[in-house]
């Protein structure tokens, strides 16, 4: 058993750690840069997620356990962490709306990952990968303060909720998205 066989799974665990760290940073009450660090950790997780898959294919060590572990990491880094971030920045007078959209996003992400694990999508993805959806929410959280300062809070919550719902629908859709295989 060579050490190279374990490199992709180790990177997957790093990805998972980045997602959890993003959430833990948000829980710190006095951290001055948490709205910058949390999305940066999610985006770094996206790079590590790409790298683990790339190395697994290059080293020819793709495995069922690696696929499952990758899904667990993805639900944390691109599901839980972005939703925690959106809920943190979207403190508003309509929390039930954003919480409901957040639950929809998590259910769609989990469903999409389960569907991916049970099928062969070697040439394309069916629906938007949760990685892309989570990174989109992280980017949204970065630009949110810039446009939210000049707009009514009701409009902000409608736009954010609509964006979360759109990403959720795209994840569970069967739209074929070509894989970027390097």
N, C-alpha and C. Protein backbone atom coordinates (compact mmCIF):
# COMPACT_ATOMS: atom_id res chain seq x y z
N UNK A 1 0.85 -1.18 0.00
CA UNK A 1 0.00 0.00 0.00
C UNK A 1 0.90 1.24 0.00
N UNK A 2 0.76 2.05 -1.02
CA UNK A 2 1.60 3.24 -1.12
C UNK A 2 0.91 4.44 -0.50
N UNK A 3 1.73 5.39 -0.13
CA UNK A 3 1.20 6.62 0.47
C UNK A 3 0.42 7.43 -0.55
N UNK A 4 0.77 7.32 -1.84
CA UNK A 4 0.08 8.07 -2.89
C UNK A 4 -1.41 7.74 -2.93
N UNK A 5 -1.76 6.53 -2.57
CA UNK A 5 -3.16 6.10 -2.57
C UNK A 5 -4.00 6.93 -1.60
N UNK A 6 -3.37 7.45 -0.55
CA UNK A 6 -4.10 8.17 0.49
C UNK A 6 -4.11 9.68 0.31
N UNK A 7 -3.33 10.20 -0.62
CA UNK A 7 -3.24 11.65 -0.81
C UNK A 7 -4.60 12.27 -1.14
N UNK A 8 -5.35 11.74 -2.11
CA UNK A 8 -6.66 12.36 -2.40
C UNK A 8 -7.60 12.38 -1.20
N UNK A 9 -7.66 11.29 -0.44
CA UNK A 9 -8.54 11.26 0.73
C UNK A 9 -8.06 12.22 1.81
N UNK A 10 -6.76 12.38 1.95
CA UNK A 10 -6.22 13.36 2.89
C UNK A 10 -6.64 14.77 2.48
N UNK A 11 -6.57 15.06 1.19
CA UNK A 11 -7.01 16.37 0.70
C UNK A 11 -8.52 16.55 0.92
N UNK A 12 -9.28 15.49 0.76
CA UNK A 12 -10.72 15.57 1.03
C UNK A 12 -10.97 15.94 2.48
N UNK A 13 -10.19 15.38 3.39
CA UNK A 13 -10.33 15.71 4.81
C UNK A 13 -9.92 17.16 5.09
N UNK A 14 -8.95 17.66 4.34
CA UNK A 14 -8.57 19.07 4.46
C UNK A 14 -9.73 19.94 3.99
N UNK A 15 -10.35 19.56 2.88
CA UNK A 15 -11.53 20.27 2.37
C UNK A 15 -12.61 20.32 3.46
N UNK A 16 -12.89 19.19 4.07
CA UNK A 16 -13.89 19.12 5.13
C UNK A 16 -13.51 20.04 6.30
N UNK A 17 -12.24 20.05 6.65
CA UNK A 17 -11.75 20.90 7.74
C UNK A 17 -11.90 22.38 7.42
N UNK A 18 -11.70 22.73 6.16
CA UNK A 18 -11.87 24.12 5.75
C UNK A 18 -13.33 24.56 5.92
N UNK A 19 -14.25 23.70 5.55
CA UNK A 19 -15.67 24.01 5.71
C UNK A 19 -16.06 24.16 7.17
N UNK A 20 -15.60 23.24 8.00
CA UNK A 20 -15.91 23.32 9.42
C UNK A 20 -15.28 24.56 10.05
N UNK A 21 -14.04 24.86 9.66
CA UNK A 21 -13.37 26.05 10.18
C UNK A 21 -14.12 27.32 9.78
N UNK A 22 -14.68 27.35 8.58
CA UNK A 22 -15.49 28.48 8.15
C UNK A 22 -16.65 28.71 9.10
N UNK A 23 -17.34 27.64 9.47
CA UNK A 23 -18.46 27.74 10.40
C UNK A 23 -17.97 28.18 11.78
N UNK A 24 -16.87 27.60 12.24
CA UNK A 24 -16.34 27.96 13.56
C UNK A 24 -15.91 29.42 13.63
N UNK A 25 -15.36 29.94 12.55
CA UNK A 25 -14.99 31.36 12.50
C UNK A 25 -16.24 32.22 12.66
N UNK A 26 -17.33 31.83 12.01
CA UNK A 26 -18.58 32.60 12.11
C UNK A 26 -19.13 32.59 13.54
N UNK A 27 -18.84 31.54 14.29
CA UNK A 27 -19.33 31.44 15.65
C UNK A 27 -18.54 32.29 16.65
N UNK A 28 -17.37 32.76 16.23
CA UNK A 28 -16.55 33.62 17.09
C UNK A 28 -17.22 34.98 17.21
N UNK A 29 -17.53 35.39 18.42
CA UNK A 29 -18.27 36.64 18.60
C UNK A 29 -17.45 37.88 18.31
N UNK A 30 -16.15 37.82 18.51
CA UNK A 30 -15.36 39.04 18.38
C UNK A 30 -14.33 39.00 17.24
N UNK A 31 -14.51 38.11 16.30
CA UNK A 31 -13.56 38.02 15.18
C UNK A 31 -13.88 39.11 14.16
N UNK A 32 -12.95 40.07 13.94
CA UNK A 32 -13.26 41.22 13.09
C UNK A 32 -13.36 40.93 11.59
N UNK A 33 -12.75 39.85 11.12
CA UNK A 33 -12.71 39.59 9.68
C UNK A 33 -13.45 38.31 9.28
N UNK A 34 -14.40 37.90 10.09
CA UNK A 34 -15.05 36.61 9.81
C UNK A 34 -15.83 36.60 8.51
N UNK A 35 -16.37 37.74 8.08
CA UNK A 35 -17.12 37.75 6.82
C UNK A 35 -16.19 37.75 5.60
N UNK A 36 -14.91 37.85 5.83
CA UNK A 36 -13.92 37.71 4.76
C UNK A 36 -13.28 36.33 4.83
N UNK A 37 -12.93 35.90 6.04
CA UNK A 37 -12.25 34.62 6.22
C UNK A 37 -13.18 33.44 5.89
N UNK A 38 -14.42 33.49 6.37
CA UNK A 38 -15.34 32.36 6.14
C UNK A 38 -15.55 32.07 4.65
N UNK A 39 -15.88 33.09 3.82
CA UNK A 39 -16.03 32.76 2.39
C UNK A 39 -14.71 32.36 1.73
N UNK A 40 -13.61 32.93 2.20
CA UNK A 40 -12.29 32.55 1.64
C UNK A 40 -12.00 31.08 1.91
N UNK A 41 -12.36 30.60 3.09
CA UNK A 41 -12.15 29.18 3.42
C UNK A 41 -13.02 28.28 2.54
N UNK A 42 -14.23 28.71 2.25
CA UNK A 42 -15.12 27.94 1.36
C UNK A 42 -14.51 27.88 -0.04
N UNK A 43 -14.03 29.01 -0.53
CA UNK A 43 -13.44 29.03 -1.88
C UNK A 43 -12.15 28.22 -1.92
N UNK A 44 -11.35 28.28 -0.87
CA UNK A 44 -10.15 27.45 -0.79
C UNK A 44 -10.55 25.97 -0.78
N UNK A 45 -11.65 25.65 -0.10
CA UNK A 45 -12.18 24.29 -0.12
C UNK A 45 -12.52 23.85 -1.54
N UNK A 46 -13.01 24.78 -2.36
CA UNK A 46 -13.31 24.46 -3.76
C UNK A 46 -12.06 24.07 -4.53
N UNK A 47 -10.97 24.77 -4.27
CA UNK A 47 -9.70 24.43 -4.93
C UNK A 47 -9.22 23.05 -4.47
N UNK A 48 -9.28 22.81 -3.17
CA UNK A 48 -8.84 21.52 -2.63
C UNK A 48 -9.74 20.39 -3.14
N UNK A 49 -11.04 20.65 -3.26
CA UNK A 49 -11.98 19.66 -3.79
C UNK A 49 -11.61 19.30 -5.23
N UNK A 50 -11.28 20.31 -6.03
CA UNK A 50 -10.84 20.04 -7.40
C UNK A 50 -9.55 19.22 -7.40
N UNK A 51 -8.63 19.61 -6.53
CA UNK A 51 -7.31 18.96 -6.47
C UNK A 51 -7.43 17.50 -6.04
N UNK A 52 -8.29 17.19 -5.07
CA UNK A 52 -8.39 15.79 -4.62
C UNK A 52 -8.93 14.90 -5.74
N UNK A 53 -9.92 15.38 -6.48
CA UNK A 53 -10.45 14.60 -7.60
C UNK A 53 -9.44 14.44 -8.73
N UNK A 54 -8.73 15.53 -9.02
CA UNK A 54 -7.70 15.50 -10.06
C UNK A 54 -6.62 14.47 -9.71
N UNK A 55 -6.13 14.53 -8.47
CA UNK A 55 -5.07 13.60 -8.07
C UNK A 55 -5.56 12.16 -8.01
N UNK A 56 -6.80 11.96 -7.58
CA UNK A 56 -7.34 10.59 -7.54
C UNK A 56 -7.36 9.99 -8.95
N UNK A 57 -7.74 10.80 -9.94
CA UNK A 57 -7.75 10.30 -11.33
C UNK A 57 -6.33 10.12 -11.85
N UNK A 58 -5.46 11.09 -11.62
CA UNK A 58 -4.07 11.01 -12.12
C UNK A 58 -3.31 9.85 -11.50
N UNK A 59 -3.50 9.64 -10.21
CA UNK A 59 -2.80 8.55 -9.52
C UNK A 59 -3.53 7.22 -9.67
N UNK A 60 -4.69 7.25 -10.32
CA UNK A 60 -5.52 6.07 -10.54
C UNK A 60 -5.87 5.37 -9.23
N UNK A 61 -6.33 6.20 -8.27
CA UNK A 61 -6.72 5.67 -6.96
C UNK A 61 -8.15 6.07 -6.62
N UNK A 62 -8.98 6.25 -7.66
CA UNK A 62 -10.39 6.56 -7.44
C UNK A 62 -11.01 5.36 -6.73
N UNK A 63 -11.76 5.62 -5.66
CA UNK A 63 -12.35 4.52 -4.90
C UNK A 63 -13.74 4.91 -4.41
N UNK A 64 -14.51 3.89 -4.05
CA UNK A 64 -15.85 4.14 -3.52
C UNK A 64 -15.79 4.90 -2.20
N UNK A 65 -14.81 4.56 -1.36
CA UNK A 65 -14.69 5.27 -0.08
C UNK A 65 -14.31 6.73 -0.32
N UNK A 66 -13.47 6.96 -1.31
CA UNK A 66 -13.10 8.34 -1.64
C UNK A 66 -14.30 9.14 -2.13
N UNK A 67 -15.15 8.50 -2.92
CA UNK A 67 -16.35 9.16 -3.43
C UNK A 67 -17.30 9.52 -2.29
N UNK A 68 -17.48 8.60 -1.35
CA UNK A 68 -18.36 8.86 -0.21
C UNK A 68 -17.78 9.94 0.70
N UNK A 69 -16.49 9.83 0.98
CA UNK A 69 -15.82 10.82 1.83
C UNK A 69 -15.90 12.21 1.20
N UNK A 70 -15.75 12.27 -0.12
CA UNK A 70 -15.84 13.54 -0.82
C UNK A 70 -17.23 14.15 -0.66
N UNK A 71 -18.26 13.33 -0.70
CA UNK A 71 -19.62 13.84 -0.51
C UNK A 71 -19.83 14.37 0.90
N UNK A 72 -19.28 13.68 1.90
CA UNK A 72 -19.39 14.18 3.27
C UNK A 72 -18.70 15.53 3.41
N UNK A 73 -17.52 15.64 2.80
CA UNK A 73 -16.79 16.92 2.83
C UNK A 73 -17.57 18.01 2.11
N UNK A 74 -18.14 17.66 0.97
CA UNK A 74 -18.89 18.64 0.18
C UNK A 74 -20.12 19.16 0.91
N UNK A 75 -20.82 18.30 1.64
CA UNK A 75 -22.02 18.76 2.35
C UNK A 75 -21.64 19.74 3.46
N UNK A 76 -20.45 19.58 4.02
CA UNK A 76 -20.00 20.51 5.06
C UNK A 76 -19.48 21.80 4.43
N UNK A 77 -18.53 21.68 3.49
CA UNK A 77 -17.86 22.86 2.94
C UNK A 77 -18.74 23.66 2.00
N UNK A 78 -19.59 23.00 1.22
CA UNK A 78 -20.37 23.71 0.20
C UNK A 78 -21.87 23.70 0.49
N UNK A 79 -22.26 23.08 1.60
CA UNK A 79 -23.65 23.08 2.03
C UNK A 79 -23.81 23.84 3.33
N UNK A 80 -23.31 23.26 4.40
CA UNK A 80 -23.47 23.86 5.73
C UNK A 80 -22.75 25.20 5.86
N UNK A 81 -21.48 25.26 5.46
CA UNK A 81 -20.70 26.49 5.64
C UNK A 81 -21.29 27.69 4.88
N UNK A 82 -21.64 27.55 3.59
CA UNK A 82 -22.23 28.70 2.90
C UNK A 82 -23.58 29.13 3.47
N UNK A 83 -24.38 28.15 3.90
CA UNK A 83 -25.68 28.49 4.48
C UNK A 83 -25.48 29.20 5.82
N UNK A 84 -24.52 28.75 6.62
CA UNK A 84 -24.21 29.45 7.88
C UNK A 84 -23.78 30.88 7.58
N UNK A 85 -22.97 31.04 6.56
CA UNK A 85 -22.48 32.36 6.17
C UNK A 85 -23.62 33.26 5.70
N UNK A 86 -24.48 32.75 4.85
CA UNK A 86 -25.62 33.54 4.36
C UNK A 86 -26.54 33.93 5.52
N UNK A 87 -26.77 32.99 6.43
CA UNK A 87 -27.61 33.31 7.59
C UNK A 87 -26.95 34.33 8.50
N UNK A 88 -25.64 34.30 8.57
CA UNK A 88 -24.93 35.29 9.39
C UNK A 88 -25.05 36.70 8.80
N UNK A 89 -24.83 36.82 7.48
CA UNK A 89 -24.86 38.16 6.87
C UNK A 89 -26.28 38.65 6.63
N UNK A 90 -27.25 37.76 6.57
CA UNK A 90 -28.63 38.14 6.24
C UNK A 90 -29.49 38.32 7.47
N UNK A 91 -28.90 38.84 8.52
CA UNK A 91 -29.70 39.10 9.71
C UNK A 91 -30.75 40.13 9.32
N UNK A 92 -31.99 39.71 9.35
CA UNK A 92 -33.05 40.59 8.87
C UNK A 92 -34.32 40.37 9.68
N UNK A 93 -35.33 41.09 9.31
CA UNK A 93 -36.59 40.96 10.01
C UNK A 93 -37.46 39.83 9.45
N UNK A 94 -36.91 39.03 8.53
CA UNK A 94 -37.64 37.91 7.94
C UNK A 94 -36.84 36.61 8.08
N UNK A 95 -36.44 36.22 9.28
CA UNK A 95 -35.58 35.04 9.43
C UNK A 95 -36.21 33.74 8.95
N UNK A 96 -37.54 33.60 9.06
CA UNK A 96 -38.18 32.36 8.64
C UNK A 96 -38.01 32.14 7.14
N UNK A 97 -37.96 33.20 6.36
CA UNK A 97 -37.81 33.09 4.91
C UNK A 97 -36.41 32.54 4.58
N UNK A 98 -35.39 33.14 5.15
CA UNK A 98 -34.02 32.71 4.84
C UNK A 98 -33.75 31.32 5.42
N UNK A 99 -34.32 31.00 6.56
CA UNK A 99 -34.14 29.66 7.15
C UNK A 99 -34.81 28.61 6.27
N UNK A 100 -35.99 28.90 5.76
CA UNK A 100 -36.69 27.96 4.88
C UNK A 100 -35.90 27.74 3.59
N UNK A 101 -35.40 28.81 3.00
CA UNK A 101 -34.58 28.68 1.79
C UNK A 101 -33.30 27.90 2.10
N UNK A 102 -32.73 28.12 3.27
CA UNK A 102 -31.52 27.40 3.68
C UNK A 102 -31.77 25.90 3.79
N UNK A 103 -32.91 25.54 4.37
CA UNK A 103 -33.26 24.12 4.48
C UNK A 103 -33.44 23.51 3.09
N UNK A 104 -34.08 24.24 2.20
CA UNK A 104 -34.25 23.77 0.83
C UNK A 104 -32.89 23.54 0.16
N UNK A 105 -31.97 24.47 0.35
CA UNK A 105 -30.63 24.36 -0.23
C UNK A 105 -29.93 23.09 0.29
N UNK A 106 -30.00 22.86 1.60
CA UNK A 106 -29.34 21.69 2.18
C UNK A 106 -29.96 20.38 1.67
N UNK A 107 -31.28 20.34 1.59
CA UNK A 107 -31.95 19.13 1.09
C UNK A 107 -31.59 18.89 -0.37
N UNK A 108 -31.58 19.95 -1.18
CA UNK A 108 -31.23 19.81 -2.59
C UNK A 108 -29.78 19.36 -2.74
N UNK A 109 -28.89 19.93 -1.94
CA UNK A 109 -27.48 19.56 -2.00
C UNK A 109 -27.26 18.11 -1.61
N UNK A 110 -27.91 17.67 -0.55
CA UNK A 110 -27.77 16.27 -0.11
C UNK A 110 -28.35 15.31 -1.15
N UNK A 111 -29.50 15.66 -1.72
CA UNK A 111 -30.11 14.83 -2.75
C UNK A 111 -29.20 14.72 -3.97
N UNK A 112 -28.63 15.86 -4.38
CA UNK A 112 -27.76 15.88 -5.54
C UNK A 112 -26.51 15.03 -5.31
N UNK A 113 -25.93 15.10 -4.12
CA UNK A 113 -24.75 14.29 -3.81
C UNK A 113 -25.10 12.80 -3.79
N UNK A 114 -26.24 12.44 -3.23
CA UNK A 114 -26.67 11.04 -3.21
C UNK A 114 -26.88 10.52 -4.63
N UNK A 115 -27.54 11.33 -5.46
CA UNK A 115 -27.77 10.93 -6.85
C UNK A 115 -26.44 10.75 -7.58
N UNK A 116 -25.50 11.64 -7.33
CA UNK A 116 -24.18 11.55 -7.96
C UNK A 116 -23.47 10.26 -7.54
N UNK A 117 -23.55 9.92 -6.26
CA UNK A 117 -22.85 8.73 -5.77
C UNK A 117 -23.44 7.43 -6.29
N UNK A 118 -24.70 7.45 -6.68
CA UNK A 118 -25.36 6.23 -7.14
C UNK A 118 -25.31 6.03 -8.65
N UNK A 119 -24.79 7.00 -9.37
CA UNK A 119 -24.77 6.91 -10.83
C UNK A 119 -23.37 7.17 -11.37
N UNK A 120 -23.21 6.90 -12.65
CA UNK A 120 -21.94 7.16 -13.31
C UNK A 120 -22.08 8.44 -14.13
N UNK A 121 -21.44 9.49 -13.66
CA UNK A 121 -21.45 10.76 -14.37
C UNK A 121 -20.02 11.11 -14.76
N UNK A 122 -19.36 10.21 -15.47
CA UNK A 122 -17.96 10.43 -15.80
C UNK A 122 -17.75 11.51 -16.86
N UNK A 123 -18.74 11.74 -17.72
CA UNK A 123 -18.58 12.73 -18.78
C UNK A 123 -19.30 14.06 -18.48
N UNK A 124 -20.28 14.00 -17.61
CA UNK A 124 -21.04 15.20 -17.30
C UNK A 124 -21.62 15.11 -15.89
N UNK A 125 -22.04 16.24 -15.40
CA UNK A 125 -22.79 16.30 -14.14
C UNK A 125 -24.27 16.41 -14.49
N UNK A 126 -25.11 15.85 -13.66
CA UNK A 126 -26.55 16.06 -13.80
C UNK A 126 -26.93 17.07 -12.73
N UNK A 127 -27.19 18.28 -13.16
CA UNK A 127 -27.48 19.35 -12.22
C UNK A 127 -26.21 20.07 -11.79
N UNK A 128 -26.41 21.21 -11.17
CA UNK A 128 -25.29 22.02 -10.70
C UNK A 128 -24.61 21.33 -9.52
N UNK A 129 -23.30 21.12 -9.57
CA UNK A 129 -22.60 20.53 -8.42
C UNK A 129 -22.73 21.42 -7.19
N UNK A 130 -22.84 20.79 -6.04
CA UNK A 130 -22.96 21.54 -4.79
C UNK A 130 -21.73 22.43 -4.57
N UNK A 131 -20.58 22.01 -5.09
CA UNK A 131 -19.37 22.82 -4.98
C UNK A 131 -19.60 24.19 -5.62
N UNK A 132 -20.12 24.20 -6.82
CA UNK A 132 -20.38 25.47 -7.52
C UNK A 132 -21.45 26.28 -6.80
N UNK A 133 -22.48 25.62 -6.31
CA UNK A 133 -23.55 26.33 -5.60
C UNK A 133 -23.02 26.95 -4.31
N UNK A 134 -22.22 26.21 -3.57
CA UNK A 134 -21.65 26.73 -2.32
C UNK A 134 -20.70 27.90 -2.55
N UNK A 135 -19.89 27.79 -3.58
CA UNK A 135 -18.97 28.89 -3.91
C UNK A 135 -19.77 30.11 -4.36
N UNK A 136 -20.85 29.90 -5.10
CA UNK A 136 -21.70 31.02 -5.52
C UNK A 136 -22.27 31.75 -4.31
N UNK A 137 -22.68 31.01 -3.28
CA UNK A 137 -23.19 31.65 -2.06
C UNK A 137 -22.07 32.38 -1.31
N UNK A 138 -20.87 31.82 -1.33
CA UNK A 138 -19.74 32.49 -0.68
C UNK A 138 -19.44 33.82 -1.38
N UNK A 139 -19.46 33.82 -2.71
CA UNK A 139 -19.25 35.06 -3.47
C UNK A 139 -20.38 36.04 -3.19
N UNK A 140 -21.61 35.54 -3.13
CA UNK A 140 -22.76 36.39 -2.81
C UNK A 140 -22.55 37.08 -1.46
N UNK A 141 -22.03 36.34 -0.49
CA UNK A 141 -21.82 36.93 0.84
C UNK A 141 -20.75 38.01 0.83
N UNK A 142 -19.82 37.93 -0.09
CA UNK A 142 -18.77 38.95 -0.19
C UNK A 142 -19.32 40.23 -0.80
N UNK A 143 -20.15 40.10 -1.84
CA UNK A 143 -20.68 41.30 -2.51
C UNK A 143 -21.92 41.85 -1.81
N UNK A 144 -22.56 41.05 -0.99
CA UNK A 144 -23.79 41.46 -0.30
C UNK A 144 -23.67 42.80 0.41
N UNK A 145 -22.66 43.03 1.23
CA UNK A 145 -22.60 44.32 1.95
C UNK A 145 -22.53 45.54 1.03
N UNK A 146 -21.96 45.38 -0.15
CA UNK A 146 -21.80 46.51 -1.06
C UNK A 146 -23.13 46.94 -1.67
N UNK A 147 -23.95 45.98 -2.09
CA UNK A 147 -25.22 46.37 -2.70
C UNK A 147 -26.34 46.47 -1.67
N UNK A 148 -26.21 45.75 -0.55
CA UNK A 148 -27.27 45.79 0.46
C UNK A 148 -27.34 47.13 1.19
N UNK A 149 -26.23 47.84 1.24
CA UNK A 149 -26.20 49.13 1.93
C UNK A 149 -27.08 50.17 1.25
N UNK A 150 -27.30 50.00 -0.05
CA UNK A 150 -28.05 51.02 -0.80
C UNK A 150 -29.47 50.58 -1.18
N UNK A 151 -29.91 49.41 -0.69
CA UNK A 151 -31.22 48.89 -1.07
C UNK A 151 -32.03 48.59 0.19
N UNK A 152 -33.32 48.61 0.05
CA UNK A 152 -34.25 48.25 1.11
C UNK A 152 -33.96 46.82 1.58
N UNK A 153 -34.04 46.56 2.88
CA UNK A 153 -33.73 45.23 3.42
C UNK A 153 -34.69 44.15 2.89
N UNK A 154 -35.93 44.53 2.60
CA UNK A 154 -36.88 43.56 2.03
C UNK A 154 -36.40 43.09 0.66
N UNK A 155 -35.90 44.00 -0.15
CA UNK A 155 -35.38 43.64 -1.47
C UNK A 155 -34.16 42.74 -1.32
N UNK A 156 -33.30 43.03 -0.36
CA UNK A 156 -32.12 42.20 -0.11
C UNK A 156 -32.49 40.76 0.20
N UNK A 157 -33.48 40.60 1.07
CA UNK A 157 -33.88 39.26 1.46
C UNK A 157 -34.57 38.54 0.30
N UNK A 158 -35.32 39.25 -0.51
CA UNK A 158 -35.96 38.63 -1.68
C UNK A 158 -34.91 38.16 -2.67
N UNK A 159 -33.92 39.00 -2.94
CA UNK A 159 -32.85 38.64 -3.89
C UNK A 159 -32.05 37.46 -3.35
N UNK A 160 -31.67 37.51 -2.09
CA UNK A 160 -30.89 36.42 -1.50
C UNK A 160 -31.69 35.12 -1.48
N UNK A 161 -32.94 35.19 -1.08
CA UNK A 161 -33.79 33.99 -1.05
C UNK A 161 -34.00 33.42 -2.45
N UNK A 162 -34.26 34.29 -3.41
CA UNK A 162 -34.44 33.84 -4.80
C UNK A 162 -33.17 33.17 -5.32
N UNK A 163 -32.02 33.72 -4.96
CA UNK A 163 -30.75 33.15 -5.40
C UNK A 163 -30.54 31.76 -4.79
N UNK A 164 -30.84 31.61 -3.51
CA UNK A 164 -30.71 30.30 -2.85
C UNK A 164 -31.66 29.29 -3.49
N UNK A 165 -32.89 29.70 -3.75
CA UNK A 165 -33.87 28.79 -4.37
C UNK A 165 -33.45 28.41 -5.79
N UNK A 166 -32.95 29.38 -6.55
CA UNK A 166 -32.46 29.09 -7.90
C UNK A 166 -31.32 28.07 -7.88
N UNK A 167 -30.37 28.27 -6.98
CA UNK A 167 -29.25 27.31 -6.86
C UNK A 167 -29.77 25.94 -6.46
N UNK A 168 -30.75 25.89 -5.57
CA UNK A 168 -31.34 24.62 -5.13
C UNK A 168 -31.98 23.89 -6.30
N UNK A 169 -32.76 24.61 -7.09
CA UNK A 169 -33.42 24.01 -8.26
C UNK A 169 -32.38 23.52 -9.26
N UNK A 170 -31.34 24.32 -9.46
CA UNK A 170 -30.29 23.91 -10.40
C UNK A 170 -29.56 22.65 -9.93
N UNK A 171 -29.39 22.50 -8.61
CA UNK A 171 -28.71 21.30 -8.10
C UNK A 171 -29.52 20.04 -8.35
N UNK A 172 -30.83 20.11 -8.16
CA UNK A 172 -31.64 18.89 -8.32
C UNK A 172 -32.12 18.68 -9.75
N UNK A 173 -31.86 19.66 -10.62
CA UNK A 173 -32.26 19.51 -12.02
C UNK A 173 -31.44 18.39 -12.67
N UNK A 174 -31.87 18.00 -13.84
CA UNK A 174 -31.13 16.98 -14.60
C UNK A 174 -30.40 17.60 -15.78
N UNK A 175 -30.22 18.91 -15.72
CA UNK A 175 -29.47 19.60 -16.77
C UNK A 175 -28.06 19.04 -16.82
N UNK A 176 -27.61 18.68 -18.01
CA UNK A 176 -26.27 18.13 -18.16
C UNK A 176 -25.25 19.27 -18.21
N UNK A 177 -24.28 19.17 -17.33
CA UNK A 177 -23.19 20.15 -17.26
C UNK A 177 -21.91 19.40 -17.52
N UNK A 178 -21.20 19.81 -18.55
CA UNK A 178 -19.97 19.12 -18.93
C UNK A 178 -18.93 19.22 -17.82
N UNK A 179 -18.30 18.09 -17.54
CA UNK A 179 -17.23 18.03 -16.52
C UNK A 179 -15.98 18.70 -17.06
N UNK A 180 -15.30 19.38 -16.20
CA UNK A 180 -13.99 19.92 -16.54
C UNK A 180 -12.98 18.89 -16.03
N UNK A 181 -12.47 18.08 -16.92
CA UNK A 181 -11.53 17.04 -16.56
C UNK A 181 -10.15 17.45 -17.05
N UNK A 182 -9.25 17.60 -16.09
CA UNK A 182 -7.88 18.00 -16.42
C UNK A 182 -6.97 16.81 -16.26
